[in-house]
PDB file of all heavy atoms in Angstrom:
ATOM      1  N   SER A   1      37.414-137.550 -11.351  1.00  0.00           N
ATOM      2  CA  SER A   1      36.308-138.516 -11.391  1.00  0.00           C
ATOM      3  C   SER A   1      34.966-137.892 -11.025  1.00  0.00           C
ATOM      4  O   SER A   1      33.926-138.533 -11.120  1.00  0.00           O
ATOM      5  CB  SER A   1      36.602-139.686 -10.445  1.00  0.00           C
ATOM      6  OG  SER A   1      36.704-139.232  -9.106  1.00  0.00           O
ATOM      7  N   GLY A   2      35.003-136.639 -10.567  1.00  0.00           N
ATOM      8  CA  GLY A   2      33.765-135.962 -10.178  1.00  0.00           C
ATOM      9  C   GLY A   2      33.823-135.476  -8.747  1.00  0.00           C
ATOM     10  O   GLY A   2      34.905-135.180  -8.231  1.00  0.00           O
ATOM     11  N   THR A   3      32.674-135.388  -8.098  1.00  0.00           N
ATOM     12  CA  THR A   3      32.585-134.898  -6.727  1.00  0.00           C
ATOM     13  C   THR A   3      32.780-136.039  -5.742  1.00  0.00           C
ATOM     14  O   THR A   3      32.138-137.089  -5.842  1.00  0.00           O
ATOM     15  CB  THR A   3      31.222-134.237  -6.465  1.00  0.00           C
ATOM     16  OG1 THR A   3      31.047-133.143  -7.369  1.00  0.00           O
ATOM     17  CG2 THR A   3      31.131-133.724  -5.040  1.00  0.00           C
ATOM     18  N   VAL A   4      33.690-135.826  -4.792  1.00  0.00           N
ATOM     19  CA  VAL A   4      33.958-136.811  -3.742  1.00  0.00           C
ATOM     20  C   VAL A   4      33.470-136.241  -2.413  1.00  0.00           C
ATOM     21  O   VAL A   4      33.894-135.155  -2.010  1.00  0.00           O
ATOM     22  CB  VAL A   4      35.463-137.136  -3.647  1.00  0.00           C
ATOM     23  CG1 VAL A   4      35.726-138.109  -2.497  1.00  0.00           C
ATOM     24  CG2 VAL A   4      35.981-137.687  -4.959  1.00  0.00           C
ATOM     25  N   GLU A   5      32.584-136.961  -1.752  1.00  0.00           N
ATOM     26  CA  GLU A   5      32.085-136.532  -0.446  1.00  0.00           C
ATOM     27  C   GLU A   5      33.005-137.085   0.633  1.00  0.00           C
ATOM     28  O   GLU A   5      32.897-138.246   1.020  1.00  0.00           O
ATOM     29  CB  GLU A   5      30.648-137.005  -0.243  1.00  0.00           C
ATOM     30  CG  GLU A   5      29.657-136.361  -1.186  1.00  0.00           C
ATOM     31  CD  GLU A   5      28.230-136.797  -0.901  1.00  0.00           C
ATOM     32  OE1 GLU A   5      27.974-137.361   0.180  1.00  0.00           O
ATOM     33  OE2 GLU A   5      27.385-136.576  -1.771  1.00  0.00           O
ATOM     34  N   ALA A   6      33.904-136.249   1.125  1.00  0.00           N
ATOM     35  CA  ALA A   6      34.890-136.691   2.126  1.00  0.00           C
ATOM     36  C   ALA A   6      34.283-136.802   3.511  1.00  0.00           C
ATOM     37  O   ALA A   6      34.667-137.668   4.309  1.00  0.00           O
ATOM     38  CB  ALA A   6      36.064-135.731   2.152  1.00  0.00           C
ATOM     39  N   LEU A   7      33.347-135.891   3.828  1.00  0.00           N
ATOM     40  CA  LEU A   7      32.659-135.915   5.119  1.00  0.00           C
ATOM     41  C   LEU A   7      31.167-135.740   4.875  1.00  0.00           C
ATOM     42  O   LEU A   7      30.758-134.896   4.077  1.00  0.00           O
ATOM     43  CB  LEU A   7      33.162-134.786   6.030  1.00  0.00           C
ATOM     44  CG  LEU A   7      34.648-134.796   6.413  1.00  0.00           C
ATOM     45  CD1 LEU A   7      34.989-133.529   7.197  1.00  0.00           C
ATOM     46  CD2 LEU A   7      35.006-136.037   7.222  1.00  0.00           C
ATOM     47  N   ARG A   8      30.369-136.535   5.611  1.00  0.00           N
ATOM     48  CA  ARG A   8      28.925-136.470   5.428  1.00  0.00           C
ATOM     49  C   ARG A   8      28.214-136.359   6.768  1.00  0.00           C
ATOM     50  O   ARG A   8      28.267-137.267   7.599  1.00  0.00           O
ATOM     51  CB  ARG A   8      28.412-137.712   4.678  1.00  0.00           C
ATOM     52  CG  ARG A   8      28.866-137.790   3.232  1.00  0.00           C
ATOM     53  CD  ARG A   8      28.082-138.848   2.457  1.00  0.00           C
ATOM     54  NE  ARG A   8      28.374-140.183   2.953  1.00  0.00           N
ATOM     55  CZ  ARG A   8      29.398-140.923   2.514  1.00  0.00           C
ATOM     56  NH1 ARG A   8      30.226-140.444   1.606  1.00  0.00           N
ATOM     57  NH2 ARG A   8      29.602-142.134   2.981  1.00  0.00           N
ATOM     58  N   ASP A   9      27.588-135.210   6.980  1.00  0.00           N
ATOM     59  CA  ASP A   9      26.702-134.986   8.131  1.00  0.00           C
ATOM     60  C   ASP A   9      27.368-135.391   9.456  1.00  0.00           C
ATOM     61  O   ASP A   9      26.835-136.180  10.224  1.00  0.00           O
ATOM     62  CB  ASP A   9      25.395-135.752   7.941  1.00  0.00           C
ATOM     63  CG  ASP A   9      24.287-135.220   8.836  1.00  0.00           C
ATOM     64  OD1 ASP A   9      24.300-134.020   9.163  1.00  0.00           O
ATOM     65  OD2 ASP A   9      23.399-136.014   9.228  1.00  0.00           O
ATOM     66  N   ILE A  10      28.530-134.795   9.714  1.00  0.00           N
ATOM     67  CA  ILE A  10      29.270-135.088  10.944  1.00  0.00           C
ATOM     68  C   ILE A  10      28.674-134.281  12.102  1.00  0.00           C
ATOM     69  O   ILE A  10      28.513-133.064  12.011  1.00  0.00           O
ATOM     70  CB  ILE A  10      30.755-134.732  10.796  1.00  0.00           C
ATOM     71  CG1 ILE A  10      31.388-135.513   9.641  1.00  0.00           C
ATOM     72  CG2 ILE A  10      31.500-134.961  12.113  1.00  0.00           C
ATOM     73  CD1 ILE A  10      31.514-136.986   9.854  1.00  0.00           C
ATOM     74  N   ASN A  11      28.366-134.980  13.203  1.00  0.00           N
ATOM     75  CA  ASN A  11      27.869-134.334  14.418  1.00  0.00           C
ATOM     76  C   ASN A  11      28.661-134.864  15.613  1.00  0.00           C
ATOM     77  O   ASN A  11      28.609-136.058  15.910  1.00  0.00           O
ATOM     78  CB  ASN A  11      26.381-134.613  14.619  1.00  0.00           C
ATOM     79  CG  ASN A  11      25.507-133.883  13.615  1.00  0.00           C
ATOM     80  OD1 ASN A  11      25.173-132.717  13.786  1.00  0.00           O
ATOM     81  ND2 ASN A  11      25.144-134.584  12.538  1.00  0.00           N
ATOM     82  N   LEU A  12      29.393-133.965  16.267  1.00  0.00           N
ATOM     83  CA  LEU A  12      30.203-134.344  17.423  1.00  0.00           C
ATOM     84  C   LEU A  12      30.169-133.236  18.466  1.00  0.00           C
ATOM     85  O   LEU A  12      30.132-132.050  18.112  1.00  0.00           O
ATOM     86  CB  LEU A  12      31.667-134.580  17.025  1.00  0.00           C
ATOM     87  CG  LEU A  12      32.023-135.805  16.183  1.00  0.00           C
ATOM     88  CD1 LEU A  12      33.497-135.752  15.796  1.00  0.00           C
ATOM     89  CD2 LEU A  12      31.714-137.092  16.929  1.00  0.00           C
ATOM     90  N   THR A  13      30.208-133.621  19.732  1.00  0.00           N
ATOM     91  CA  THR A  13      30.378-132.660  20.822  1.00  0.00           C
ATOM     92  C   THR A  13      31.610-133.066  21.618  1.00  0.00           C
ATOM     93  O   THR A  13      31.687-134.193  22.119  1.00  0.00           O
ATOM     94  CB  THR A  13      29.154-132.625  21.748  1.00  0.00           C
ATOM     95  OG1 THR A  13      28.006-132.206  20.996  1.00  0.00           O
ATOM     96  CG2 THR A  13      29.371-131.660  22.908  1.00  0.00           C
ATOM     97  N   ILE A  14      32.572-132.164  21.711  1.00  0.00           N
ATOM     98  CA  ILE A  14      33.822-132.415  22.426  1.00  0.00           C
ATOM     99  C   ILE A  14      33.873-131.446  23.602  1.00  0.00           C
ATOM    100  O   ILE A  14      33.951-130.228  23.417  1.00  0.00           O
ATOM    101  CB  ILE A  14      35.030-132.225  21.492  1.00  0.00           C
ATOM    102  CG1 ILE A  14      34.915-133.203  20.307  1.00  0.00           C
ATOM    103  CG2 ILE A  14      36.336-132.434  22.255  1.00  0.00           C
ATOM    104  CD1 ILE A  14      35.866-132.922  19.167  1.00  0.00           C
ATOM    105  N   GLU A  15      33.782-131.992  24.805  1.00  0.00           N
ATOM    106  CA  GLU A  15      33.737-131.152  25.999  1.00  0.00           C
ATOM    107  C   GLU A  15      35.114-130.588  26.321  1.00  0.00           C
ATOM    108  O   GLU A  15      36.144-131.183  25.992  1.00  0.00           O
ATOM    109  CB  GLU A  15      33.229-131.965  27.200  1.00  0.00           C
ATOM    110  CG  GLU A  15      31.857-132.608  27.016  1.00  0.00           C
ATOM    111  CD  GLU A  15      30.712-131.610  27.095  1.00  0.00           C
ATOM    112  OE1 GLU A  15      30.956-130.458  27.524  1.00  0.00           O
ATOM    113  OE2 GLU A  15      29.586-131.981  26.742  1.00  0.00           O
ATOM    114  N   LYS A  16      35.113-129.458  27.002  1.00  0.00           N
ATOM    115  CA  LYS A  16      36.372-128.846  27.433  1.00  0.00           C
ATOM    116  C   LYS A  16      37.104-129.821  28.349  1.00  0.00           C
ATOM    117  O   LYS A  16      36.534-130.371  29.278  1.00  0.00           O
ATOM    118  CB  LYS A  16      36.092-127.528  28.164  1.00  0.00           C
ATOM    119  CG  LYS A  16      37.349-126.769  28.570  1.00  0.00           C
ATOM    120  CD  LYS A  16      37.003-125.428  29.170  1.00  0.00           C
ATOM    121  CE  LYS A  16      38.244-124.681  29.650  1.00  0.00           C
ATOM    122  NZ  LYS A  16      39.200-124.424  28.567  1.00  0.00           N
ATOM    123  N   GLY A  17      38.375-130.051  28.067  1.00  0.00           N
ATOM    124  CA  GLY A  17      39.178-130.951  28.890  1.00  0.00           C
ATOM    125  C   GLY A  17      39.152-132.404  28.452  1.00  0.00           C
ATOM    126  O   GLY A  17      39.839-133.246  29.035  1.00  0.00           O
ATOM    127  N   ASP A  18      38.380-132.722  27.412  1.00  0.00           N
ATOM    128  CA  ASP A  18      38.366-134.088  26.875  1.00  0.00           C
ATOM    129  C   ASP A  18      39.695-134.422  26.207  1.00  0.00           C
ATOM    130  O   ASP A  18      40.379-133.545  25.664  1.00  0.00           O
ATOM    131  CB  ASP A  18      37.274-134.246  25.801  1.00  0.00           C
ATOM    132  CG  ASP A  18      35.900-134.563  26.381  1.00  0.00           C
ATOM    133  OD1 ASP A  18      35.817-134.921  27.572  1.00  0.00           O
ATOM    134  OD2 ASP A  18      34.911-134.444  25.627  1.00  0.00           O
ATOM    135  N   ILE A  19      40.047-135.711  26.227  1.00  0.00           N
ATOM    136  CA  ILE A  19      40.998-136.237  25.257  1.00  0.00           C
ATOM    137  C   ILE A  19      40.148-137.108  24.344  1.00  0.00           C
ATOM    138  O   ILE A  19      39.760-138.220  24.689  1.00  0.00           O
ATOM    139  CB  ILE A  19      42.125-137.055  25.904  1.00  0.00           C
ATOM    140  CG1 ILE A  19      42.875-136.223  26.946  1.00  0.00           C
ATOM    141  CG2 ILE A  19      43.103-137.542  24.838  1.00  0.00           C
ATOM    142  CD1 ILE A  19      44.045-136.951  27.601  1.00  0.00           C
ATOM    143  N   PHE A  20      39.823-136.567  23.195  1.00  0.00           N
ATOM    144  CA  PHE A  20      38.816-137.152  22.304  1.00  0.00           C
ATOM    145  C   PHE A  20      39.509-137.804  21.121  1.00  0.00           C
ATOM    146  O   PHE A  20      40.249-137.158  20.385  1.00  0.00           O
ATOM    147  CB  PHE A  20      37.861-136.058  21.822  1.00  0.00           C
ATOM    148  CG  PHE A  20      36.589-136.572  21.202  1.00  0.00           C
ATOM    149  CD1 PHE A  20      35.401-136.561  21.924  1.00  0.00           C
ATOM    150  CD2 PHE A  20      36.575-137.068  19.907  1.00  0.00           C
ATOM    151  CE1 PHE A  20      34.216-137.027  21.358  1.00  0.00           C
ATOM    152  CE2 PHE A  20      35.407-137.545  19.338  1.00  0.00           C
ATOM    153  CZ  PHE A  20      34.219-137.528  20.066  1.00  0.00           C
ATOM    154  N   GLY A  21      39.265-139.089  20.933  1.00  0.00           N
ATOM    155  CA  GLY A  21      39.879-139.813  19.829  1.00  0.00           C
ATOM    156  C   GLY A  21      38.940-139.932  18.644  1.00  0.00           C
ATOM    157  O   GLY A  21      37.742-140.146  18.804  1.00  0.00           O
ATOM    158  N   ILE A  22      39.487-139.786  17.446  1.00  0.00           N
ATOM    159  CA  ILE A  22      38.749-140.047  16.205  1.00  0.00           C
ATOM    160  C   ILE A  22      39.550-141.081  15.441  1.00  0.00           C
ATOM    161  O   ILE A  22      40.685-140.831  15.037  1.00  0.00           O
ATOM    162  CB  ILE A  22      38.554-138.768  15.376  1.00  0.00           C
ATOM    163  CG1 ILE A  22      37.764-137.727  16.183  1.00  0.00           C
ATOM    164  CG2 ILE A  22      37.823-139.079  14.065  1.00  0.00           C
ATOM    165  CD1 ILE A  22      37.658-136.366  15.515  1.00  0.00           C
ATOM    166  N   ILE A  23      38.967-142.262  15.268  1.00  0.00           N
ATOM    167  CA  ILE A  23      39.704-143.369  14.664  1.00  0.00           C
ATOM    168  C   ILE A  23      39.032-143.818  13.376  1.00  0.00           C
ATOM    169  O   ILE A  23      37.803-143.791  13.261  1.00  0.00           O
ATOM    170  CB  ILE A  23      39.835-144.547  15.656  1.00  0.00           C
ATOM    171  CG1 ILE A  23      40.775-145.613  15.097  1.00  0.00           C
ATOM    172  CG2 ILE A  23      38.474-145.154  16.007  1.00  0.00           C
ATOM    173  CD1 ILE A  23      41.244-146.633  16.120  1.00  0.00           C
ATOM    174  N   GLY A  24      39.844-144.189  12.407  1.00  0.00           N
ATOM    175  CA  GLY A  24      39.321-144.675  11.138  1.00  0.00           C
ATOM    176  C   GLY A  24      40.453-145.215  10.284  1.00  0.00           C
ATOM    177  O   GLY A  24      41.631-144.935  10.539  1.00  0.00           O
ATOM    178  N   LEU A  25      40.100-145.994   9.289  1.00  0.00           N
ATOM    179  CA  LEU A  25      41.092-146.515   8.357  1.00  0.00           C
ATOM    180  C   LEU A  25      41.600-145.398   7.442  1.00  0.00           C
ATOM    181  O   LEU A  25      41.018-144.304   7.405  1.00  0.00           O
ATOM    182  CB  LEU A  25      40.469-147.632   7.518  1.00  0.00           C
ATOM    183  CG  LEU A  25      39.982-148.869   8.285  1.00  0.00           C
ATOM    184  CD1 LEU A  25      39.191-149.776   7.355  1.00  0.00           C
ATOM    185  CD2 LEU A  25      41.150-149.616   8.904  1.00  0.00           C
TER     186      LEU A  25
END
């Protein structure tokens, strides 16, 4: 179907020792 943008301009900071959740459908 063409070009699919799976991720767009993602900016995250994950500190050492974090339990960091990423949630989405």
